[in-house]
Amino acid sequence: MSVVRLEHLTKVFPGGTTAVEDFTLTVADGEFLVLVGPSGCGKSTVLRMIAGLEDASGGDILIDGEPVTDWAPKERDIAMVFQNYALYPHMTVRQNMGFALRLRRVPAAEVDRQVREIARLLGLSELLDRKPAALSGGQRQRVAMGRAMVRQPRVFLMDEPLSNLDAKLRVSMRAELSRLHQRYRITTVYVTHDQVEAMTLGDRIAVIDRGRLQQVGTPEELYQAPANRFVAGFMGSPSMNFATVTLSGEDPVSVTLGGVTFPLPEVLTRRPGLAPYRGRQIVIGLRPAAFAVASAASEGPALHVVPLGVEALGDEKHLLFDAPRVADADAAGAADEVPITVDEAAASQLWTAKVVQHADVAIGRAAVLTVDLREAYFFDPQTGEAIASVAADPAPATAGAAAP
């Protein structure tokens, strides 16, 4: 087991494209760390630089305190599992798994023993004499992991290894990966764009956007206390809803959504960092679980929305609707007010509410939603940084920003 340290790692491709910028991160001994972010954010480039498959443009890579930035891949004692499995098609499972050991001139009896042991752990004992073409996707993935495991490397690197599997198999393989890591505790860096996969697998998660590290923490820390708007919107499914509002009043302060004023009692006590923003614009974030369909017993202000989509998921329903605006205060609608198509840009701005499975909702029929603002998140509209629970001066308004 090993400690991996990345110090100010940078990668600039020919032509000037910066894929990774000033990336500093430590992966603890025996830790399962997940690099997560949208496609093209640089997470796979970081992994390939650790493996030595990409040359770093700047910075250092250290394993157990020893600089390996200039070492060849084979000298780093790292095993990598790829998205496409990369199995040798002409070899059997047994030959694929034992290939690295044979290259090291390990005695044949020892190769056979280690291959059989790992095959038993991965449920591959009955498949050792088959070739990859005769295996399912899940079986091929287990062979790829087994080939890496028999080497007993210092570090495991995994580049979206489950992305080619169907949904049910992905769930079972995630559980299998967790069990294997608990048993062997080999330092692992795992890349995925799936934040659900990241939260279920990682001891810690490193969130990346446009080549820069945004936040590192446990799944609970990233979900409960995101450092900025990007992390808040990326972690959690469905993603967080955002709106730019004005923090009005004294105590309690309030915000207006869809023409409806929502008081925020005691919010300044819990988040004194909000005090300098009174009378100013601020970004509020609401998770889909903060909504509920109003009932006769519901009290307090509520949002009137017209669902553009209803997703029934068995144990719950997701309502998709336009982000509240001031003009939405008296929203009411019929099915013919719902557009047949919604372009990609507009779809990305839709809000999502998570409601109970038996909620009586339908596309195009006005619904009334209560909103629990006790767990609302707040972000600076200029920097996107989360507003801390301690008092701080807001960032100065930039040119062209809306007046408070």
Protein backbone atom coordinates (compact mmCIF):
# COMPACT_ATOMS: atom_id res chain seq x y z
CA MET A 1 0.00 0.00 0.00
CA SER A 2 1.21 3.50 -0.82
CA VAL A 3 0.60 7.23 -0.46
CA VAL A 4 0.18 9.12 -3.74
CA ARG A 5 0.93 12.84 -3.70
CA LEU A 6 0.24 15.18 -6.63
CA GLU A 7 1.85 18.60 -6.31
CA HIS A 8 0.82 21.46 -8.60
CA LEU A 9 0.29 19.01 -11.46
CA THR A 10 -0.35 20.66 -14.83
CA LYS A 11 -1.00 19.31 -18.31
CA VAL A 12 -1.03 21.50 -21.42
CA PHE A 13 -1.57 19.72 -24.72
CA PRO A 14 0.02 20.82 -28.01
CA GLY A 15 -1.96 23.77 -29.30
CA GLY A 16 -2.28 25.34 -25.87
CA THR A 17 -5.25 23.46 -24.42
CA THR A 18 -4.89 23.25 -20.63
CA ALA A 19 -6.42 19.99 -19.44
CA VAL A 20 -5.19 20.07 -15.82
CA GLU A 21 -4.10 23.17 -13.93
CA ASP A 22 -2.22 23.46 -10.61
CA PHE A 23 -3.67 20.18 -9.28
CA THR A 24 -2.58 19.30 -5.73
CA LEU A 25 -3.97 16.25 -3.96
CA THR A 26 -2.89 13.51 -1.54
CA VAL A 27 -4.31 9.97 -1.67
CA ALA A 28 -3.80 8.31 1.70
CA ASP A 29 -2.37 4.84 2.24
CA GLY A 30 -5.10 2.28 1.54
CA GLU A 31 -7.66 4.93 0.57
CA PHE A 32 -10.27 4.58 -2.18
CA LEU A 33 -10.36 8.05 -3.73
CA VAL A 34 -12.73 8.92 -6.57
CA LEU A 35 -12.05 11.63 -9.15
CA VAL A 36 -15.39 12.87 -10.41
CA GLY A 37 -16.50 15.58 -12.79
CA PRO A 38 -18.24 16.16 -16.13
CA SER A 39 -16.86 14.77 -19.37
CA GLY A 40 -13.76 16.65 -20.49
CA CYS A 41 -12.92 18.05 -17.04
CA GLY A 42 -9.44 16.44 -16.94
CA LYS A 43 -10.00 13.55 -14.52
CA SER A 44 -8.78 10.84 -16.91
CA THR A 45 -5.77 12.99 -17.79
CA VAL A 46 -4.85 13.12 -14.09
CA LEU A 47 -5.12 9.33 -13.91
CA ARG A 48 -3.00 8.82 -17.02
CA MET A 49 -0.31 11.13 -15.64
CA ILE A 50 -0.20 9.10 -12.41
CA ALA A 51 0.19 5.96 -14.53
CA GLY A 52 2.87 7.55 -16.70
CA LEU A 53 0.81 7.27 -19.88
CA GLU A 54 0.79 11.07 -20.19
CA ASP A 55 3.76 13.34 -19.51
CA ALA A 56 3.09 16.13 -17.02
CA SER A 57 3.73 19.67 -18.27
CA GLY A 58 4.51 20.79 -14.74
CA GLY A 59 4.37 19.69 -11.13
CA ASP A 60 5.37 16.48 -9.39
CA ILE A 61 3.98 12.99 -8.76
CA LEU A 62 5.24 11.23 -5.65
CA ILE A 63 4.56 7.68 -4.45
CA ASP A 64 5.55 7.06 -0.84
CA GLY A 65 7.49 10.34 -0.96
CA GLU A 66 9.56 9.27 -3.96
CA PRO A 67 9.29 11.42 -7.13
CA VAL A 68 8.13 9.25 -10.05
CA THR A 69 7.19 12.00 -12.51
CA ASP A 70 9.96 11.01 -14.92
CA TRP A 71 9.68 7.25 -14.42
CA ALA A 72 8.44 4.93 -17.15
CA PRO A 73 5.01 3.36 -16.50
CA LYS A 74 6.47 -0.10 -15.82
CA GLU A 75 8.75 1.33 -13.11
CA ARG A 76 5.89 2.78 -11.04
CA ASP A 77 4.35 -0.56 -9.99
CA ILE A 78 0.84 0.63 -10.81
CA ALA A 79 -2.03 -1.48 -12.17
CA MET A 80 -4.68 0.19 -14.33
CA VAL A 81 -8.16 -1.03 -15.24
CA PHE A 82 -9.52 0.60 -18.37
CA GLN A 83 -13.04 1.34 -19.54
CA ASN A 84 -12.71 -1.02 -22.51
CA TYR A 85 -11.18 -3.90 -20.41
CA ALA A 86 -8.17 -4.27 -22.81
CA LEU A 87 -8.10 -8.07 -22.61
CA TYR A 88 -6.00 -10.12 -25.01
CA PRO A 89 -8.63 -11.80 -27.24
CA HIS A 90 -6.45 -14.80 -28.15
CA MET A 91 -5.75 -15.68 -24.52
CA THR A 92 -7.94 -17.52 -22.04
CA VAL A 93 -9.06 -15.96 -18.76
CA ARG A 94 -6.28 -17.87 -17.02
CA GLN A 95 -3.66 -16.56 -19.44
CA ASN A 96 -4.95 -12.99 -19.30
CA MET A 97 -4.88 -12.91 -15.51
CA GLY A 98 -1.43 -14.43 -15.23
CA PHE A 99 0.23 -12.52 -18.05
CA ALA A 100 1.95 -9.87 -15.89
CA LEU A 101 3.30 -12.50 -13.53
CA ARG A 102 4.75 -14.52 -16.41
CA LEU A 103 6.50 -11.37 -17.67
CA ARG A 104 8.12 -11.14 -14.25
CA ARG A 105 9.27 -14.77 -14.64
CA VAL A 106 7.27 -15.90 -11.62
CA PRO A 107 7.33 -19.73 -11.41
CA ALA A 108 4.40 -21.36 -13.23
CA ALA A 109 3.11 -23.05 -10.07
CA GLU A 110 2.97 -19.73 -8.23
CA VAL A 111 1.26 -18.02 -11.17
CA ASP A 112 -1.38 -20.76 -11.20
CA ARG A 113 -1.90 -20.47 -7.44
CA GLN A 114 -2.37 -16.71 -7.47
CA VAL A 115 -4.65 -16.79 -10.52
CA ARG A 116 -6.85 -19.46 -8.93
CA GLU A 117 -7.09 -17.51 -5.66
CA ILE A 118 -8.15 -14.27 -7.32
CA ALA A 119 -10.48 -16.13 -9.70
CA ARG A 120 -12.23 -17.69 -6.71
CA LEU A 121 -12.72 -14.28 -5.07
CA LEU A 122 -14.15 -12.83 -8.29
CA GLY A 123 -16.36 -15.79 -9.16
CA LEU A 124 -14.31 -16.70 -12.23
CA SER A 125 -13.19 -20.22 -11.29
CA GLU A 126 -15.52 -21.87 -13.84
CA LEU A 127 -14.43 -19.48 -16.61
CA LEU A 128 -10.64 -19.82 -16.51
CA ASP A 129 -10.43 -21.71 -19.80
CA ARG A 130 -12.74 -19.40 -21.76
CA LYS A 131 -11.61 -16.61 -24.05
CA PRO A 132 -12.97 -13.02 -23.76
CA ALA A 133 -15.34 -13.47 -26.71
CA ALA A 134 -17.24 -16.10 -24.71
CA LEU A 135 -17.74 -13.83 -21.68
CA SER A 136 -20.40 -11.29 -20.76
CA GLY A 137 -19.52 -7.66 -20.11
CA GLY A 138 -19.55 -8.15 -16.36
CA GLN A 139 -17.35 -11.22 -16.60
CA ARG A 140 -14.84 -9.39 -18.79
CA GLN A 141 -14.72 -6.57 -16.27
CA ARG A 142 -13.99 -9.01 -13.46
CA VAL A 143 -11.20 -10.56 -15.54
CA ALA A 144 -9.69 -7.10 -16.09
CA MET A 145 -9.80 -6.44 -12.36
CA GLY A 146 -8.40 -9.89 -11.61
CA ARG A 147 -5.49 -9.31 -13.98
CA ALA A 148 -4.65 -6.13 -12.04
CA MET A 149 -5.13 -7.77 -8.63
CA VAL A 150 -2.79 -10.71 -9.14
CA ARG A 151 0.09 -8.26 -9.55
CA GLN A 152 -0.46 -6.90 -6.01
CA PRO A 153 0.56 -3.40 -7.16
CA ARG A 154 1.34 -0.37 -5.03
CA VAL A 155 -1.60 1.55 -6.52
CA PHE A 156 -4.76 0.68 -8.45
CA LEU A 157 -5.96 3.12 -11.11
CA MET A 158 -9.45 2.61 -12.54
CA ASP A 159 -10.76 4.65 -15.47
CA GLU A 160 -14.57 4.37 -15.58
CA PRO A 161 -14.41 0.55 -15.42
CA LEU A 162 -18.18 0.09 -15.02
CA SER A 163 -19.43 2.46 -17.71
CA ASN A 164 -20.01 -0.31 -20.29
CA LEU A 165 -22.25 -2.37 -17.99
CA ASP A 166 -26.02 -2.27 -17.71
CA ALA A 167 -27.60 -0.50 -14.72
CA LYS A 168 -28.30 -3.58 -12.57
CA LEU A 169 -24.85 -5.06 -13.14
CA ARG A 170 -23.21 -1.73 -12.30
CA VAL A 171 -24.87 -1.80 -8.88
CA SER A 172 -23.66 -5.33 -8.14
CA MET A 173 -20.15 -4.54 -9.42
CA ARG A 174 -19.97 -1.43 -7.20
CA ALA A 175 -20.71 -3.63 -4.20
CA GLU A 176 -18.08 -6.11 -5.36
CA LEU A 177 -15.46 -3.39 -5.73
CA SER A 178 -16.21 -2.13 -2.22
CA ARG A 179 -15.82 -5.62 -0.75
CA LEU A 180 -12.53 -6.19 -2.57
CA HIS A 181 -11.14 -2.88 -1.37
CA GLN A 182 -12.16 -3.59 2.21
CA ARG A 183 -10.28 -6.86 2.01
CA TYR A 184 -7.06 -5.74 0.31
CA ARG A 185 -6.93 -2.01 1.18
CA ILE A 186 -4.78 -1.20 -1.85
CA THR A 187 -4.53 2.53 -2.53
CA THR A 188 -7.01 3.17 -5.34
CA VAL A 189 -7.75 6.16 -7.58
CA TYR A 190 -11.03 5.70 -9.44
CA VAL A 191 -12.34 7.94 -12.22
CA THR A 192 -16.03 8.35 -13.04
CA HIS A 193 -18.45 11.00 -14.29
CA ASP A 194 -21.28 9.34 -12.33
CA GLN A 195 -21.70 11.16 -9.01
CA VAL A 196 -23.90 8.36 -7.61
CA GLU A 197 -21.08 5.90 -8.30
CA ALA A 198 -18.63 8.29 -6.68
CA MET A 199 -20.70 8.66 -3.51
CA THR A 200 -21.28 4.93 -3.08
CA LEU A 201 -17.65 3.90 -3.66
CA GLY A 202 -15.32 6.60 -2.41
CA ASP A 203 -13.76 7.01 1.01
CA ARG A 204 -13.21 10.53 -0.27
CA ILE A 205 -14.21 12.29 -3.47
CA ALA A 206 -12.26 14.90 -5.44
CA VAL A 207 -14.51 17.04 -7.63
CA ILE A 208 -12.89 18.48 -10.77
CA ASP A 209 -14.15 21.14 -13.16
CA ARG A 210 -12.23 22.44 -16.20
CA GLY A 211 -9.00 20.93 -14.98
CA ARG A 212 -9.07 22.48 -11.52
CA LEU A 213 -9.76 20.79 -8.20
CA GLN A 214 -12.94 22.20 -6.69
CA GLN A 215 -13.31 20.30 -3.40
CA VAL A 216 -12.11 17.14 -1.66
CA GLY A 217 -14.01 15.41 1.11
CA THR A 218 -16.14 12.50 2.18
CA PRO A 219 -19.40 11.91 0.30
CA GLU A 220 -21.30 13.36 3.27
CA GLU A 221 -19.13 16.49 3.38
CA LEU A 222 -19.54 17.21 -0.31
CA TYR A 223 -23.30 16.68 -0.17
CA GLN A 224 -23.97 18.56 3.06
CA ALA A 225 -21.38 21.33 2.77
CA PRO A 226 -20.47 21.98 -0.89
CA ALA A 227 -17.70 24.54 -1.31
CA ASN A 228 -19.28 26.25 -4.29
CA ARG A 229 -22.19 26.23 -6.69
CA PHE A 230 -20.54 23.79 -9.08
CA VAL A 231 -20.02 21.14 -6.40
CA ALA A 232 -23.53 21.70 -5.06
CA GLY A 233 -25.05 21.19 -8.48
CA PHE A 234 -22.92 18.19 -9.36
CA MET A 235 -23.28 16.16 -6.17
CA GLY A 236 -26.76 14.77 -5.65
CA SER A 237 -29.33 13.21 -7.97
CA PRO A 238 -31.48 14.89 -9.18
CA SER A 239 -29.23 17.92 -9.02
CA MET A 240 -29.81 21.01 -6.92
CA ASN A 241 -32.12 23.79 -8.17
CA PHE A 242 -30.72 27.35 -8.29
CA ALA A 243 -32.30 30.79 -8.47
CA THR A 244 -30.96 34.33 -8.12
CA VAL A 245 -33.01 36.18 -5.51
CA THR A 246 -32.74 39.26 -3.31
CA LEU A 247 -32.26 38.82 0.42
CA SER A 248 -34.84 41.25 1.81
CA GLY A 249 -35.86 42.49 5.24
CA GLU A 250 -34.09 42.52 8.59
CA ASP A 251 -34.94 39.67 10.94
CA PRO A 252 -36.27 37.43 9.67
CA VAL A 253 -34.97 38.04 6.19
CA SER A 254 -36.91 36.67 3.23
CA VAL A 255 -36.60 35.77 -0.43
CA THR A 256 -39.15 35.88 -3.24
CA LEU A 257 -39.64 32.93 -5.59
CA GLY A 258 -42.30 32.89 -8.30
CA GLY A 259 -43.86 36.06 -6.85
CA VAL A 260 -44.24 34.41 -3.44
CA THR A 261 -42.31 35.67 -0.41
CA PHE A 262 -40.71 33.01 1.77
CA PRO A 263 -39.43 34.05 5.21
CA LEU A 264 -36.14 32.59 6.45
CA PRO A 265 -36.47 32.59 10.25
CA GLU A 266 -33.25 32.23 12.23
CA VAL A 267 -31.19 31.91 9.05
CA LEU A 268 -28.89 34.76 10.13
CA THR A 269 -28.26 32.94 13.41
CA ARG A 270 -27.37 29.72 11.63
CA ARG A 271 -25.53 31.45 8.77
CA PRO A 272 -24.20 34.81 9.98
CA GLY A 273 -22.16 35.02 6.79
CA LEU A 274 -25.41 36.03 5.07
CA ALA A 275 -25.70 39.30 7.05
CA PRO A 276 -23.65 41.44 4.61
CA TYR A 277 -25.90 40.28 1.74
CA ARG A 278 -29.10 41.86 3.08
CA GLY A 279 -30.60 43.97 0.31
CA ARG A 280 -28.34 42.32 -2.25
CA GLN A 281 -28.75 39.59 -4.82
CA ILE A 282 -27.80 36.10 -3.78
CA VAL A 283 -28.04 32.60 -5.31
CA ILE A 284 -30.24 30.17 -3.41
CA GLY A 285 -29.98 26.41 -3.89
CA LEU A 286 -32.77 23.93 -3.13
CA ARG A 287 -32.48 20.16 -3.36
CA PRO A 288 -35.44 18.37 -5.00
CA ALA A 289 -36.34 16.77 -1.65
CA ALA A 290 -37.13 20.24 -0.25
CA PHE A 291 -40.45 20.21 -2.13
CA ALA A 292 -43.77 18.52 -1.38
CA VAL A 293 -47.22 18.66 -2.97
CA ALA A 294 -49.37 20.94 -0.84
CA SER A 295 -52.33 19.43 1.00
CA ALA A 296 -55.34 20.94 2.74
CA ALA A 297 -53.38 20.91 5.98
CA SER A 298 -50.37 22.71 4.48
CA GLU A 299 -49.56 26.10 5.94
CA GLY A 300 -47.38 28.95 4.80
CA PRO A 301 -46.41 30.16 1.31
CA ALA A 302 -46.32 27.76 -1.64
CA LEU A 303 -45.21 27.73 -5.26
CA HIS A 304 -47.67 27.39 -8.14
CA VAL A 305 -46.08 25.47 -10.99
CA VAL A 306 -47.07 23.76 -14.23
CA PRO A 307 -45.18 20.45 -14.63
CA LEU A 308 -43.45 20.03 -17.99
CA GLY A 309 -42.59 16.45 -17.11
CA VAL A 310 -43.50 13.82 -14.53
CA GLU A 311 -41.16 10.88 -13.97
CA ALA A 312 -42.74 8.02 -12.02
CA LEU A 313 -39.95 5.98 -10.39
CA GLY A 314 -42.03 3.56 -8.35
CA ASP A 315 -41.27 4.80 -4.85
CA GLU A 316 -41.33 8.49 -5.79
CA LYS A 317 -42.12 10.94 -8.59
CA HIS A 318 -40.01 13.72 -10.06
CA LEU A 319 -41.73 16.88 -11.30
CA LEU A 320 -39.89 18.97 -13.88
CA PHE A 321 -40.97 22.60 -14.20
CA ASP A 322 -39.69 26.03 -15.23
CA ALA A 323 -37.59 27.83 -12.63
CA PRO A 324 -39.86 30.18 -10.66
CA ARG A 325 -40.01 33.78 -11.85
CA VAL A 326 -41.85 36.81 -10.51
CA ALA A 327 -44.45 36.45 -13.26
CA ASP A 328 -45.26 32.92 -12.08
CA ALA A 329 -47.16 34.06 -8.98
CA ASP A 330 -50.57 33.30 -10.43
CA ALA A 331 -49.45 30.38 -12.56
CA ALA A 332 -52.18 28.17 -13.83
CA GLY A 333 -52.21 26.16 -16.95
CA ALA A 334 -53.57 23.58 -19.23
CA ALA A 335 -51.87 20.93 -21.29
CA ASP A 336 -51.72 23.14 -24.37
CA GLU A 337 -49.40 25.55 -22.50
CA VAL A 338 -46.73 22.87 -22.26
CA PRO A 339 -44.29 22.93 -25.21
CA ILE A 340 -43.99 19.75 -27.23
CA THR A 341 -40.20 20.03 -27.22
CA VAL A 342 -37.74 21.78 -24.94
CA ASP A 343 -34.30 22.68 -26.31
CA GLU A 344 -31.17 21.54 -24.50
CA ALA A 345 -30.37 24.93 -22.97
CA ALA A 346 -33.90 25.31 -21.58
CA ALA A 347 -33.96 21.73 -20.31
CA SER A 348 -30.79 22.32 -18.28
CA GLN A 349 -32.54 25.17 -16.46
CA LEU A 350 -35.62 23.18 -15.42
CA TRP A 351 -36.21 22.64 -11.74
CA THR A 352 -36.93 19.23 -10.24
CA ALA A 353 -39.13 18.42 -7.26
CA LYS A 354 -39.07 15.00 -5.61
CA VAL A 355 -42.54 14.07 -4.32
CA VAL A 356 -44.23 10.96 -2.94
CA GLN A 357 -45.30 8.16 -5.27
CA HIS A 358 -49.04 8.67 -4.81
CA ALA A 359 -48.95 12.44 -5.51
CA ASP A 360 -51.76 13.42 -7.92
CA VAL A 361 -49.75 15.33 -10.51
CA ALA A 362 -49.79 15.40 -14.29
CA ILE A 363 -48.04 17.17 -17.14
CA GLY A 364 -49.69 20.51 -17.91
CA ARG A 365 -51.92 20.52 -14.82
CA ALA A 366 -51.10 23.23 -12.29
CA ALA A 367 -49.69 21.98 -9.01
CA VAL A 368 -49.00 23.65 -5.70
CA LEU A 369 -45.71 22.86 -3.94
CA THR A 370 -44.62 23.69 -0.43
CA VAL A 371 -40.93 24.46 0.02
CA ASP A 372 -38.81 23.69 3.06
CA LEU A 373 -36.18 26.43 3.15
CA ARG A 374 -34.57 25.34 6.42
CA GLU A 375 -31.89 23.44 4.51
CA ALA A 376 -31.48 25.93 1.68
CA TYR A 377 -27.96 26.62 0.40
CA PHE A 378 -26.64 30.09 -0.42
CA PHE A 379 -23.91 31.16 -2.85
CA ASP A 380 -22.24 34.40 -3.82
CA PRO A 381 -23.63 35.44 -7.22
CA GLN A 382 -20.23 36.69 -8.48
CA THR A 383 -17.79 34.03 -7.25
CA GLY A 384 -20.14 31.06 -6.90
CA GLU A 385 -18.56 30.27 -3.52
CA ALA A 386 -20.78 28.92 -0.76
CA ILE A 387 -21.56 31.53 1.88
CA ALA A 388 -19.92 30.37 5.06
CA SER A 389 -21.49 30.22 8.47
CA VAL A 390 -19.27 33.08 9.61
CA ALA A 391 -19.64 36.71 8.68
CA ALA A 392 -17.71 37.86 5.61
CA ASP A 393 -17.81 40.77 3.22
CA PRO A 394 -19.55 39.92 -0.04
CA ALA A 395 -17.57 40.13 -3.25
CA PRO A 396 -17.81 43.56 -4.87
CA ALA A 397 -20.35 43.86 -7.66
CA THR A 398 -18.78 43.46 -11.08
CA ALA A 399 -19.38 45.79 -13.98
CA GLY A 400 -22.73 45.17 -15.53
CA ALA A 401 -24.07 43.27 -12.50
CA ALA A 402 -27.64 43.87 -11.51
CA ALA A 403 -28.06 46.62 -8.95
CA PRO A 404 -29.20 45.47 -5.52
